[in-house]
């Protein structure tokens, strides 16, 4: 039996809220990927080509990882709601905040030194 057929169906408002949260994570993942494209294609004046490539790859990988983990987070929350359990804790928030702070620092350093 599939997981979405187990337990009791939650109130549709909670399922829709969970879906909106999933979509917000997907938008963030797309923004990271767009930032990678922007650095790679339009920021030729920032640092060396290797530095730009490294930053772009970090952003691409972060965006892909975030998109994959967003689905897993959505599914875990949906399962928890169906079984009337506590919602799972998300490690995405502190990881994404840390990554954003580190990348902002790196980009600021590149702008200042270029």
C-alpha atoms as a PDB file:
ATOM      1  CA  UNK A   1       0.000   0.000   0.000  1.00  0.00           C
ATOM      2  CA  UNK A   2       1.266   3.457  -0.863  1.00  0.00           C
ATOM      3  CA  UNK A   3       2.007   5.876   1.986  1.00  0.00           C
ATOM      4  CA  UNK A   4      -0.593   8.413   0.854  1.00  0.00           C
ATOM      5  CA  UNK A   5      -3.287   5.751   1.239  1.00  0.00           C
ATOM      6  CA  UNK A   6      -2.402   5.032   4.871  1.00  0.00           C
ATOM      7  CA  UNK A   7      -3.670   6.810   7.964  1.00  0.00           C
ATOM      8  CA  UNK A   8      -6.485   9.301   7.841  1.00  0.00           C
ATOM      9  CA  UNK A   9      -6.794  12.003   5.240  1.00  0.00           C
ATOM     10  CA  UNK A  10      -5.791  15.350   6.794  1.00  0.00           C
ATOM     11  CA  UNK A  11      -7.832  18.491   6.413  1.00  0.00           C
ATOM     12  CA  UNK A  12      -7.234  19.685   2.859  1.00  0.00           C
ATOM     13  CA  UNK A  13      -6.125  23.105   4.150  1.00  0.00           C
ATOM     14  CA  UNK A  14      -3.133  21.510   5.883  1.00  0.00           C
ATOM     15  CA  UNK A  15      -2.230  19.514   2.781  1.00  0.00           C
ATOM     16  CA  UNK A  16      -2.445  22.653   0.657  1.00  0.00           C
ATOM     17  CA  UNK A  17      -0.301  24.580   3.146  1.00  0.00           C
ATOM     18  CA  UNK A  18       2.261  21.776   3.004  1.00  0.00           C
ATOM     19  CA  UNK A  19       2.194  21.979  -0.786  1.00  0.00           C
ATOM     20  CA  UNK A  20       2.695  25.768  -0.724  1.00  0.00           C
ATOM     21  CA  UNK A  21       5.724  25.254   1.520  1.00  0.00           C
ATOM     22  CA  UNK A  22       7.085  22.693  -0.945  1.00  0.00           C
ATOM     23  CA  UNK A  23       6.609  25.156  -3.791  1.00  0.00           C
ATOM     24  CA  UNK A  24       8.424  27.870  -1.806  1.00  0.00           C
ATOM     25  CA  UNK A  25      11.407  25.532  -1.417  1.00  0.00           C
ATOM     26  CA  UNK A  26      11.290  24.815  -5.172  1.00  0.00           C
ATOM     27  CA  UNK A  27      11.265  28.569  -5.916  1.00  0.00           C
ATOM     28  CA  UNK A  28      14.319  28.957  -3.685  1.00  0.00           C
ATOM     29  CA  UNK A  29      16.052  26.098  -5.504  1.00  0.00           C
ATOM     30  CA  UNK A  30      15.293  27.740  -8.852  1.00  0.00           C
ATOM     31  CA  UNK A  31      16.651  31.057  -7.554  1.00  0.00           C
ATOM     32  CA  UNK A  32      19.910  29.352  -6.554  1.00  0.00           C
ATOM     33  CA  UNK A  33      20.192  27.793 -10.006  1.00  0.00           C
ATOM     34  CA  UNK A  34      19.411  31.145 -11.661  1.00  0.00           C
ATOM     35  CA  UNK A  35      22.111  32.741  -9.518  1.00  0.00           C
ATOM     36  CA  UNK A  36      24.568  30.129 -10.738  1.00  0.00           C
ATOM     37  CA  UNK A  37      23.703  30.889 -14.355  1.00  0.00           C
ATOM     38  CA  UNK A  38      24.003  34.612 -13.666  1.00  0.00           C
ATOM     39  CA  UNK A  39      27.438  34.284 -12.123  1.00  0.00           C
ATOM     40  CA  UNK A  40      28.660  32.003 -14.881  1.00  0.00           C
ATOM     41  CA  UNK A  41      27.260  33.977 -17.817  1.00  0.00           C
ATOM     42  CA  UNK A  42      27.059  37.605 -16.746  1.00  0.00           C
ATOM     43  CA  UNK A  43      29.693  38.254 -14.091  1.00  0.00           C
ATOM     44  CA  UNK A  44      32.894  37.916 -16.080  1.00  0.00           C
ATOM     45  CA  UNK A  45      34.397  40.851 -14.164  1.00  0.00           C
ATOM     46  CA  UNK A  46      34.192  39.051 -10.790  1.00  0.00           C
ATOM     47  CA  UNK A  47      37.344  37.200  -9.826  1.00  0.00           C
ATOM     48  CA  UNK A  48      39.033  34.515 -11.841  1.00  0.00           C
ATOM     49  CA  UNK A  49      37.197  32.075 -14.107  1.00  0.00           C
ATOM     50  CA  UNK A  50      37.932  29.283 -11.626  1.00  0.00           C
ATOM     51  CA  UNK A  51      36.406  31.273  -8.758  1.00  0.00           C
ATOM     52  CA  UNK A  52      33.267  32.037 -10.779  1.00  0.00           C
ATOM     53  CA  UNK A  53      32.985  28.415 -11.849  1.00  0.00           C
ATOM     54  CA  UNK A  54      33.377  27.253  -8.248  1.00  0.00           C
ATOM     55  CA  UNK A  55      30.661  29.602  -7.000  1.00  0.00           C
ATOM     56  CA  UNK A  56      28.356  28.624  -9.857  1.00  0.00           C
ATOM     57  CA  UNK A  57      28.871  24.920  -9.144  1.00  0.00           C
ATOM     58  CA  UNK A  58      28.140  25.431  -5.441  1.00  0.00           C
ATOM     59  CA  UNK A  59      24.914  27.241  -6.344  1.00  0.00           C
ATOM     60  CA  UNK A  60      23.914  24.573  -8.889  1.00  0.00           C
ATOM     61  CA  UNK A  61      24.546  21.775  -6.405  1.00  0.00           C
ATOM     62  CA  UNK A  62      22.733  23.624  -3.621  1.00  0.00           C
ATOM     63  CA  UNK A  63      19.728  24.227  -5.891  1.00  0.00           C
ATOM     64  CA  UNK A  64      19.554  20.593  -6.977  1.00  0.00           C
ATOM     65  CA  UNK A  65      19.961  19.314  -3.435  1.00  0.00           C
ATOM     66  CA  UNK A  66      17.328  21.707  -2.147  1.00  0.00           C
ATOM     67  CA  UNK A  67      14.846  20.620  -4.811  1.00  0.00           C
ATOM     68  CA  UNK A  68      15.357  16.942  -3.943  1.00  0.00           C
ATOM     69  CA  UNK A  69      15.129  17.451  -0.197  1.00  0.00           C
ATOM     70  CA  UNK A  70      12.052  19.676  -0.603  1.00  0.00           C
ATOM     71  CA  UNK A  71      10.121  16.688  -1.921  1.00  0.00           C
ATOM     72  CA  UNK A  72      11.323  14.469   0.908  1.00  0.00           C
ATOM     73  CA  UNK A  73      10.315  17.147   3.429  1.00  0.00           C
ATOM     74  CA  UNK A  74       6.867  17.455   1.842  1.00  0.00           C
ATOM     75  CA  UNK A  75       6.337  13.685   1.939  1.00  0.00           C
ATOM     76  CA  UNK A  76       7.479  13.378   5.577  1.00  0.00           C
ATOM     77  CA  UNK A  77       5.141  16.179   6.645  1.00  0.00           C
ATOM     78  CA  UNK A  78       2.243  14.637   4.718  1.00  0.00           C
ATOM     79  CA  UNK A  79       2.879  11.236   6.336  1.00  0.00           C
ATOM     80  CA  UNK A  80       3.034  12.824   9.786  1.00  0.00           C
ATOM     81  CA  UNK A  81      -0.276  14.614   9.231  1.00  0.00           C
ATOM     82  CA  UNK A  82      -1.925  11.379   8.039  1.00  0.00           C
ATOM     83  CA  UNK A  83      -0.800   9.556  11.183  1.00  0.00           C
ATOM     84  CA  UNK A  84      -1.540  12.433  13.575  1.00  0.00           C
ATOM     85  CA  UNK A  85       2.144  12.651  14.530  1.00  0.00           C
ATOM     86  CA  UNK A  86       4.395  15.602  15.208  1.00  0.00           C
ATOM     87  CA  UNK A  87       5.724  17.307  12.108  1.00  0.00           C
ATOM     88  CA  UNK A  88       9.336  16.373  11.423  1.00  0.00           C
ATOM     89  CA  UNK A  89      12.087  18.832  12.214  1.00  0.00           C
ATOM     90  CA  UNK A  90      13.717  20.328   9.148  1.00  0.00           C
ATOM     91  CA  UNK A  91      17.461  20.765   8.863  1.00  0.00           C
ATOM     92  CA  UNK A  92      16.971  22.693   5.627  1.00  0.00           C
ATOM     93  CA  UNK A  93      16.425  26.010   7.396  1.00  0.00           C
ATOM     94  CA  UNK A  94      19.776  26.303   9.204  1.00  0.00           C
ATOM     95  CA  UNK A  95      21.659  24.761   6.271  1.00  0.00           C
ATOM     96  CA  UNK A  96      20.148  27.147   3.746  1.00  0.00           C
ATOM     97  CA  UNK A  97      20.704  30.144   6.028  1.00  0.00           C
ATOM     98  CA  UNK A  98      24.355  29.175   6.520  1.00  0.00           C
ATOM     99  CA  UNK A  99      24.907  28.574   2.805  1.00  0.00           C
ATOM    100  CA  UNK A 100      23.304  31.915   1.939  1.00  0.00           C
ATOM    101  CA  UNK A 101      25.470  33.777   4.448  1.00  0.00           C
ATOM    102  CA  UNK A 102      28.642  32.099   3.168  1.00  0.00           C
ATOM    103  CA  UNK A 103      27.811  32.771  -0.473  1.00  0.00           C
ATOM    104  CA  UNK A 104      26.896  36.391   0.252  1.00  0.00           C
ATOM    105  CA  UNK A 105      30.234  36.829   2.002  1.00  0.00           C
ATOM    106  CA  UNK A 106      32.093  35.241  -0.913  1.00  0.00           C
ATOM    107  CA  UNK A 107      30.299  37.419  -3.461  1.00  0.00           C
ATOM    108  CA  UNK A 108      30.912  40.557  -1.413  1.00  0.00           C
ATOM    109  CA  UNK A 109      34.609  39.686  -1.240  1.00  0.00           C
ATOM    110  CA  UNK A 110      34.672  39.194  -5.019  1.00  0.00           C
ATOM    111  CA  UNK A 111      32.979  42.529  -5.656  1.00  0.00           C
ATOM    112  CA  UNK A 112      35.371  44.360  -3.339  1.00  0.00           C
ATOM    113  CA  UNK A 113      38.498  42.742  -4.759  1.00  0.00           C
ATOM    114  CA  UNK A 114      37.503  43.106  -8.430  1.00  0.00           C
END
